[in-house]
Amino acid sequence: MYKKITHNITEEHFDHPAVLPKTMQVKMAASNGSLPAYVINEATMVFRMDARSAWMKWVFSLMNYAISLNGNLPGTDQVKGRMHKNAVAIGDFLIPYYGMTAGRAVSTALIAIDDIGMHYVEALKAKKPTEEIVKSWEPYVADLAKLMNEINPNYWPRTLIADILTNLVQTWQDQLNARAKGDIIADEIAIDYLNKLIVTGVPDHQKVGFSSLADLFSRGIIAQFPAMFAE
């Protein structure tokens, strides 16, 4: 018996690609010179993984706050406080190398970015305009990029850090809006992009990968203070 079966195929396209813009990849390549062989050891690997964990906790804290706030869950203020605590943990990474003042300055800058994110979440829940909140992120992103570049000018390029943070802020918005609309696919894509952007990066296969902010952060410290990581 012969049967004719017809399938309807629908294509879906998303705004965000799986890789960073080409200009950002070029800037990352310029700051990714080889580390000396004597710092390629277990201690540096642990340091870099710890940095990834710290940045991961920070970047996903905003999503956790949105879940807690929108679900009217008990302990929402605690979740809010944890986001600040995670910002402080990143600043603490800097203290052994740059001192208390630098560590506190970075923590304070991250907390400022956090607070705007939480205002954004609250505005979405209340169905209020968010345009002015989004604009208010810009100077804080620029300030943090400038601060990190002043701390480590050779390995934390100002324009590169600003590009990453700008993409972060946009992807936070994408994820929060997707979750608010119940768009599970867009939500998952945004979460994956956040993870690549801030935590894991994308492996460099034939010069088309990129390093995450966490890896740029830890690698920059190791490159600036290699003697402190020698076994």
C-alpha atoms as a PDB file:
ATOM      1  CA  MET A   1       0.000   0.000   0.000  1.00  0.00           C
ATOM      2  CA  TYR A   2       1.304   3.423  -0.946  1.00  0.00           C
ATOM      3  CA  LYS A   3       0.823   6.380   1.399  1.00  0.00           C
ATOM      4  CA  LYS A   4       1.839   9.961   0.815  1.00  0.00           C
ATOM      5  CA  ILE A   5       2.759  11.807   4.017  1.00  0.00           C
ATOM      6  CA  THR A   6       3.302  15.587   3.973  1.00  0.00           C
ATOM      7  CA  HIS A   7       5.187  17.382   6.760  1.00  0.00           C
ATOM      8  CA  ASN A   8       5.021  21.088   7.514  1.00  0.00           C
ATOM      9  CA  ILE A   9       8.386  22.434   8.640  1.00  0.00           C
ATOM     10  CA  THR A  10       8.661  25.671  10.582  1.00  0.00           C
ATOM     11  CA  GLU A  11      12.027  27.429  10.990  1.00  0.00           C
ATOM     12  CA  GLU A  12      12.734  29.532  14.091  1.00  0.00           C
ATOM     13  CA  HIS A  13      15.497  32.136  14.241  1.00  0.00           C
ATOM     14  CA  PHE A  14      16.825  33.876  17.344  1.00  0.00           C
ATOM     15  CA  ASP A  15      18.446  37.250  17.747  1.00  0.00           C
ATOM     16  CA  HIS A  16      21.493  36.121  19.716  1.00  0.00           C
ATOM     17  CA  PRO A  17      24.150  33.996  17.992  1.00  0.00           C
ATOM     18  CA  ALA A  18      26.059  31.276  19.820  1.00  0.00           C
ATOM     19  CA  VAL A  19      29.277  33.280  19.615  1.00  0.00           C
ATOM     20  CA  LEU A  20      30.283  36.781  20.472  1.00  0.00           C
ATOM     21  CA  PRO A  21      30.510  39.508  17.816  1.00  0.00           C
ATOM     22  CA  LYS A  22      33.633  39.327  15.639  1.00  0.00           C
ATOM     23  CA  THR A  23      34.992  42.590  17.039  1.00  0.00           C
ATOM     24  CA  MET A  24      34.923  41.156  20.547  1.00  0.00           C
ATOM     25  CA  GLN A  25      36.673  37.985  19.404  1.00  0.00           C
ATOM     26  CA  VAL A  26      39.476  40.069  17.868  1.00  0.00           C
ATOM     27  CA  LYS A  27      39.902  42.063  21.092  1.00  0.00           C
ATOM     28  CA  MET A  28      40.003  38.854  23.116  1.00  0.00           C
ATOM     29  CA  ALA A  29      42.642  37.347  20.852  1.00  0.00           C
ATOM     30  CA  ALA A  30      44.837  40.397  21.383  1.00  0.00           C
ATOM     31  CA  SER A  31      44.761  39.925  25.171  1.00  0.00           C
ATOM     32  CA  ASN A  32      45.317  36.151  25.098  1.00  0.00           C
ATOM     33  CA  GLY A  33      49.075  35.804  24.761  1.00  0.00           C
ATOM     34  CA  SER A  34      50.732  32.621  26.033  1.00  0.00           C
ATOM     35  CA  LEU A  35      51.285  32.194  29.751  1.00  0.00           C
ATOM     36  CA  PRO A  36      54.761  31.075  30.867  1.00  0.00           C
ATOM     37  CA  ALA A  37      55.043  27.292  31.177  1.00  0.00           C
ATOM     38  CA  TYR A  38      55.916  27.398  34.879  1.00  0.00           C
ATOM     39  CA  VAL A  39      52.449  28.685  35.812  1.00  0.00           C
ATOM     40  CA  ILE A  40      50.650  25.858  34.024  1.00  0.00           C
ATOM     41  CA  ASN A  41      50.034  23.754  37.115  1.00  0.00           C
ATOM     42  CA  GLU A  42      47.329  22.460  39.435  1.00  0.00           C
ATOM     43  CA  ALA A  43      47.295  25.627  41.541  1.00  0.00           C
ATOM     44  CA  THR A  44      46.445  27.845  38.579  1.00  0.00           C
ATOM     45  CA  MET A  45      43.781  25.396  37.399  1.00  0.00           C
ATOM     46  CA  VAL A  46      42.097  25.473  40.816  1.00  0.00           C
ATOM     47  CA  PHE A  47      42.334  29.267  40.860  1.00  0.00           C
ATOM     48  CA  ARG A  48      40.690  29.535  37.449  1.00  0.00           C
ATOM     49  CA  MET A  49      37.916  27.095  38.359  1.00  0.00           C
ATOM     50  CA  ASP A  50      37.274  28.985  41.606  1.00  0.00           C
ATOM     51  CA  ALA A  51      37.007  32.199  39.588  1.00  0.00           C
ATOM     52  CA  ARG A  52      34.496  30.570  37.256  1.00  0.00           C
ATOM     53  CA  SER A  53      32.420  29.444  40.255  1.00  0.00           C
ATOM     54  CA  ALA A  54      32.440  32.947  41.735  1.00  0.00           C
ATOM     55  CA  TRP A  55      31.355  34.615  38.506  1.00  0.00           C
ATOM     56  CA  MET A  56      28.728  31.926  37.870  1.00  0.00           C
ATOM     57  CA  LYS A  57      27.128  32.518  41.267  1.00  0.00           C
ATOM     58  CA  TRP A  58      27.082  36.247  40.617  1.00  0.00           C
ATOM     59  CA  VAL A  59      25.691  36.196  37.081  1.00  0.00           C
ATOM     60  CA  PHE A  60      22.845  33.808  37.892  1.00  0.00           C
ATOM     61  CA  SER A  61      21.894  35.560  41.133  1.00  0.00           C
ATOM     62  CA  LEU A  62      19.628  37.940  39.230  1.00  0.00           C
ATOM     63  CA  MET A  63      17.657  35.053  37.730  1.00  0.00           C
ATOM     64  CA  ASN A  64      17.293  33.541  41.199  1.00  0.00           C
ATOM     65  CA  TYR A  65      16.021  36.861  42.522  1.00  0.00           C
ATOM     66  CA  ALA A  66      13.454  37.053  39.719  1.00  0.00           C
ATOM     67  CA  ILE A  67      12.232  33.523  40.457  1.00  0.00           C
ATOM     68  CA  SER A  68      11.942  34.271  44.171  1.00  0.00           C
ATOM     69  CA  LEU A  69      10.251  37.670  43.724  1.00  0.00           C
ATOM     70  CA  ASN A  70       7.785  36.568  41.045  1.00  0.00           C
ATOM     71  CA  GLY A  71       6.950  33.416  42.979  1.00  0.00           C
ATOM     72  CA  ASN A  72       6.363  35.406  46.177  1.00  0.00           C
ATOM     73  CA  LEU A  73       8.702  32.968  47.894  1.00  0.00           C
ATOM     74  CA  PRO A  74       9.812  33.403  51.491  1.00  0.00           C
ATOM     75  CA  GLY A  75      13.399  34.571  51.836  1.00  0.00           C
ATOM     76  CA  THR A  76      13.390  36.877  48.802  1.00  0.00           C
ATOM     77  CA  ASP A  77      15.374  39.491  50.752  1.00  0.00           C
ATOM     78  CA  GLN A  78      17.924  36.797  51.535  1.00  0.00           C
ATOM     79  CA  VAL A  79      18.236  35.997  47.825  1.00  0.00           C
ATOM     80  CA  LYS A  80      18.742  39.711  47.176  1.00  0.00           C
ATOM     81  CA  GLY A  81      21.459  39.862  49.817  1.00  0.00           C
ATOM     82  CA  ARG A  82      23.150  36.808  48.339  1.00  0.00           C
ATOM     83  CA  MET A  83      23.620  38.636  45.040  1.00  0.00           C
ATOM     84  CA  HIS A  84      25.535  41.354  46.874  1.00  0.00           C
ATOM     85  CA  LYS A  85      27.506  38.696  48.740  1.00  0.00           C
ATOM     86  CA  ASN A  86      28.486  37.092  45.434  1.00  0.00           C
ATOM     87  CA  ALA A  87      29.723  40.477  44.177  1.00  0.00           C
ATOM     88  CA  VAL A  88      31.877  40.829  47.286  1.00  0.00           C
ATOM     89  CA  ALA A  89      33.345  37.356  46.690  1.00  0.00           C
ATOM     90  CA  ILE A  90      34.625  38.482  43.273  1.00  0.00           C
ATOM     91  CA  GLY A  91      36.228  41.549  44.814  1.00  0.00           C
ATOM     92  CA  ASP A  92      37.870  39.315  47.427  1.00  0.00           C
ATOM     93  CA  PHE A  93      39.749  37.532  44.627  1.00  0.00           C
ATOM     94  CA  LEU A  94      41.645  40.749  43.977  1.00  0.00           C
ATOM     95  CA  ILE A  95      42.743  41.495  47.538  1.00  0.00           C
ATOM     96  CA  PRO A  96      45.894  39.296  47.646  1.00  0.00           C
ATOM     97  CA  TYR A  97      47.147  40.895  44.420  1.00  0.00           C
ATOM     98  CA  TYR A  98      45.831  44.475  44.352  1.00  0.00           C
ATOM     99  CA  GLY A  99      44.857  45.215  47.941  1.00  0.00           C
ATOM    100  CA  MET A 100      41.673  45.942  49.880  1.00  0.00           C
ATOM    101  CA  THR A 101      40.853  49.206  48.123  1.00  0.00           C
ATOM    102  CA  ALA A 102      40.803  47.654  44.656  1.00  0.00           C
ATOM    103  CA  GLY A 103      38.835  44.632  45.824  1.00  0.00           C
ATOM    104  CA  ARG A 104      36.218  46.768  47.508  1.00  0.00           C
ATOM    105  CA  ALA A 105      35.951  49.092  44.501  1.00  0.00           C
ATOM    106  CA  VAL A 106      35.197  46.174  42.154  1.00  0.00           C
ATOM    107  CA  SER A 107      32.671  44.704  44.596  1.00  0.00           C
ATOM    108  CA  THR A 108      30.927  48.075  44.895  1.00  0.00           C
ATOM    109  CA  ALA A 109      30.773  48.449  41.100  1.00  0.00           C
ATOM    110  CA  LEU A 110      29.284  44.969  40.714  1.00  0.00           C
ATOM    111  CA  ILE A 111      26.715  45.676  43.438  1.00  0.00           C
ATOM    112  CA  ALA A 112      25.651  48.836  41.585  1.00  0.00           C
ATOM    113  CA  ILE A 113      25.056  46.745  38.445  1.00  0.00           C
ATOM    114  CA  ASP A 114      23.174  44.201  40.595  1.00  0.00           C
ATOM    115  CA  ASP A 115      20.879  46.832  42.033  1.00  0.00           C
ATOM    116  CA  ILE A 116      19.833  48.087  38.605  1.00  0.00           C
ATOM    117  CA  GLY A 117      19.110  44.494  37.599  1.00  0.00           C
ATOM    118  CA  MET A 118      16.868  44.043  40.610  1.00  0.00           C
ATOM    119  CA  HIS A 119      15.036  47.296  39.796  1.00  0.00           C
ATOM    120  CA  TYR A 120      14.509  45.870  36.299  1.00  0.00           C
ATOM    121  CA  VAL A 121      13.041  42.648  37.716  1.00  0.00           C
ATOM    122  CA  GLU A 122      10.726  44.625  39.996  1.00  0.00           C
ATOM    123  CA  ALA A 123       9.578  46.839  37.110  1.00  0.00           C
ATOM    124  CA  LEU A 124       8.793  43.793  34.959  1.00  0.00           C
ATOM    125  CA  LYS A 125       6.718  42.282  37.725  1.00  0.00           C
ATOM    126  CA  ALA A 126       4.816  45.547  38.222  1.00  0.00           C
ATOM    127  CA  LYS A 127       4.452  45.934  34.417  1.00  0.00           C
ATOM    128  CA  LYS A 128       6.120  49.337  34.565  1.00  0.00           C
ATOM    129  CA  PRO A 129       8.347  50.915  31.853  1.00  0.00           C
ATOM    130  CA  THR A 130      11.965  49.737  31.882  1.00  0.00           C
ATOM    131  CA  GLU A 131      13.607  52.068  29.346  1.00  0.00           C
ATOM    132  CA  GLU A 132      15.115  54.420  31.919  1.00  0.00           C
ATOM    133  CA  ILE A 133      16.322  51.509  34.031  1.00  0.00           C
ATOM    134  CA  VAL A 134      18.113  50.041  31.017  1.00  0.00           C
ATOM    135  CA  LYS A 135      19.786  53.375  30.258  1.00  0.00           C
ATOM    136  CA  SER A 136      20.963  53.666  33.853  1.00  0.00           C
ATOM    137  CA  TRP A 137      23.142  50.573  33.396  1.00  0.00           C
ATOM    138  CA  GLU A 138      25.389  52.283  30.840  1.00  0.00           C
ATOM    139  CA  PRO A 139      27.526  54.495  33.118  1.00  0.00           C
ATOM    140  CA  TYR A 140      28.010  51.694  35.650  1.00  0.00           C
ATOM    141  CA  VAL A 141      29.142  49.297  32.931  1.00  0.00           C
ATOM    142  CA  ALA A 142      31.581  51.933  31.677  1.00  0.00           C
ATOM    143  CA  ASP A 143      32.829  52.616  35.208  1.00  0.00           C
ATOM    144  CA  LEU A 144      33.521  48.951  35.941  1.00  0.00           C
ATOM    145  CA  ALA A 145      35.320  48.477  32.615  1.00  0.00           C
ATOM    146  CA  LYS A 146      37.448  51.560  33.338  1.00  0.00           C
ATOM    147  CA  LEU A 147      38.198  50.387  36.877  1.00  0.00           C
ATOM    148  CA  MET A 148      39.280  46.902  35.811  1.00  0.00           C
ATOM    149  CA  ASN A 149      41.467  48.333  33.064  1.00  0.00           C
ATOM    150  CA  GLU A 150      43.163  50.671  35.550  1.00  0.00           C
ATOM    151  CA  ILE A 151      43.859  47.701  37.831  1.00  0.00           C
ATOM    152  CA  ASN A 152      45.247  45.489  35.062  1.00  0.00           C
ATOM    153  CA  PRO A 153      45.752  47.503  31.855  1.00  0.00           C
ATOM    154  CA  ASN A 154      47.622  44.839  29.886  1.00  0.00           C
ATOM    155  CA  TYR A 155      45.192  41.972  30.325  1.00  0.00           C
ATOM    156  CA  TRP A 156      41.811  43.609  30.987  1.00  0.00           C
ATOM    157  CA  PRO A 157      41.234  45.893  27.969  1.00  0.00           C
ATOM    158  CA  ARG A 158      38.667  48.553  28.719  1.00  0.00           C
ATOM    159  CA  THR A 159      36.697  48.219  25.484  1.00  0.00           C
ATOM    160  CA  LEU A 160      36.647  44.428  25.725  1.00  0.00           C
ATOM    161  CA  ILE A 161      35.361  44.397  29.315  1.00  0.00           C
ATOM    162  CA  ALA A 162      32.737  46.998  28.400  1.00  0.00           C
ATOM    163  CA  ASP A 163      31.631  44.885  25.414  1.00  0.00           C
ATOM    164  CA  ILE A 164      31.230  41.784  27.575  1.00  0.00           C
ATOM    165  CA  LEU A 165      29.304  43.637  30.287  1.00  0.00           C
ATOM    166  CA  THR A 166      27.054  45.301  27.712  1.00  0.00           C
ATOM    167  CA  ASN A 167      26.250  41.875  26.258  1.00  0.00           C
ATOM    168  CA  LEU A 168      25.636  40.623  29.790  1.00  0.00           C
ATOM    169  CA  VAL A 169      23.109  43.359  30.541  1.00  0.00           C
ATOM    170  CA  GLN A 170      21.296  42.724  27.249  1.00  0.00           C
ATOM    171  CA  THR A 171      21.183  38.980  27.851  1.00  0.00           C
ATOM    172  CA  TRP A 172      19.854  39.476  31.379  1.00  0.00           C
ATOM    173  CA  GLN A 173      17.009  41.432  29.817  1.00  0.00           C
ATOM    174  CA  ASP A 174      16.428  38.738  27.187  1.00  0.00           C
ATOM    175  CA  GLN A 175      16.288  36.010  29.809  1.00  0.00           C
ATOM    176  CA  LEU A 176      14.037  37.900  32.209  1.00  0.00           C
ATOM    177  CA  ASN A 177      11.608  38.916  29.464  1.00  0.00           C
ATOM    178  CA  ALA A 178      11.518  35.397  28.044  1.00  0.00           C
ATOM    179  CA  ARG A 179      10.751  33.991  31.487  1.00  0.00           C
ATOM    180  CA  ALA A 180       8.048  36.611  32.051  1.00  0.00           C
ATOM    181  CA  LYS A 181       6.401  35.680  28.727  1.00  0.00           C
ATOM    182  CA  GLY A 182       6.688  31.956  29.336  1.00  0.00           C
ATOM    183  CA  ASP A 183       8.954  31.535  26.300  1.00  0.00           C
ATOM    184  CA  ILE A 184      10.933  28.500  27.455  1.00  0.00           C
ATOM    185  CA  ILE A 185      13.062  28.204  24.308  1.00  0.00           C
ATOM    186  CA  ALA A 186      14.221  31.846  24.394  1.00  0.00           C
ATOM    187  CA  ASP A 187      14.783  31.506  28.136  1.00  0.00           C
ATOM    188  CA  GLU A 188      17.084  28.508  27.646  1.00  0.00           C
ATOM    189  CA  ILE A 189      18.991  30.223  24.836  1.00  0.00           C
ATOM    190  CA  ALA A 190      19.600  33.282  27.018  1.00  0.00           C
ATOM    191  CA  ILE A 191      20.755  31.147  29.947  1.00  0.00           C
ATOM    192  CA  ASP A 192      23.179  29.285  27.682  1.00  0.00           C
ATOM    193  CA  TYR A 193      24.508  32.568  26.308  1.00  0.00           C
ATOM    194  CA  LEU A 194      25.018  33.928  29.830  1.00  0.00           C
ATOM    195  CA  ASN A 195      26.968  30.814  30.734  1.00  0.00           C
ATOM    196  CA  LYS A 196      29.242  31.090  27.688  1.00  0.00           C
ATOM    197  CA  LEU A 197      29.680  34.832  28.057  1.00  0.00           C
ATOM    198  CA  ILE A 198      30.605  34.919  31.744  1.00  0.00           C
ATOM    199  CA  VAL A 199      31.652  31.397  32.780  1.00  0.00           C
ATOM    200  CA  THR A 200      32.758  28.839  30.199  1.00  0.00           C
ATOM    201  CA  GLY A 201      33.458  30.749  26.995  1.00  0.00           C
ATOM    202  CA  VAL A 202      33.681  28.729  23.774  1.00  0.00           C
ATOM    203  CA  PRO A 203      36.728  26.541  22.938  1.00  0.00           C
ATOM    204  CA  ASP A 204      39.074  28.026  20.361  1.00  0.00           C
ATOM    205  CA  HIS A 205      38.556  25.770  17.358  1.00  0.00           C
ATOM    206  CA  GLN A 206      40.549  27.265  14.468  1.00  0.00           C
ATOM    207  CA  LYS A 207      40.498  30.779  15.992  1.00  0.00           C
ATOM    208  CA  VAL A 208      36.742  31.208  16.282  1.00  0.00           C
ATOM    209  CA  GLY A 209      36.254  30.702  20.025  1.00  0.00           C
ATOM    210  CA  PHE A 210      36.202  33.265  22.808  1.00  0.00           C
ATOM    211  CA  SER A 211      37.189  33.454  26.467  1.00  0.00           C
ATOM    212  CA  SER A 212      34.609  34.114  29.151  1.00  0.00           C
ATOM    213  CA  LEU A 213      34.799  37.065  31.516  1.00  0.00           C
ATOM    214  CA  ALA A 214      35.711  34.680  34.351  1.00  0.00           C
ATOM    215  CA  ASP A 215      38.633  33.277  32.360  1.00  0.00           C
ATOM    216  CA  LEU A 216      39.836  36.723  31.311  1.00  0.00           C
ATOM    217  CA  PHE A 217      39.622  37.762  34.959  1.00  0.00           C
ATOM    218  CA  SER A 218      41.639  34.845  36.360  1.00  0.00           C
ATOM    219  CA  ARG A 219      44.063  34.687  33.451  1.00  0.00           C
ATOM    220  CA  GLY A 220      44.802  38.389  33.758  1.00  0.00           C
ATOM    221  CA  ILE A 221      45.765  37.989  37.415  1.00  0.00           C
ATOM    222  CA  ILE A 222      47.986  34.983  36.673  1.00  0.00           C
ATOM    223  CA  ALA A 223      49.667  36.780  33.755  1.00  0.00           C
ATOM    224  CA  GLN A 224      50.321  39.902  35.828  1.00  0.00           C
ATOM    225  CA  PHE A 225      51.646  37.994  38.864  1.00  0.00           C
ATOM    226  CA  PRO A 226      53.150  34.765  37.447  1.00  0.00           C
ATOM    227  CA  ALA A 227      55.670  34.374  40.279  1.00  0.00           C
ATOM    228  CA  MET A 228      52.796  34.026  42.746  1.00  0.00           C
ATOM    229  CA  PHE A 229      51.517  30.988  40.843  1.00  0.00           C
ATOM    230  CA  ALA A 230      54.814  29.143  40.323  1.00  0.00           C
ATOM    231  CA  GLU A 231      55.137  25.800  42.104  1.00  0.00           C
END
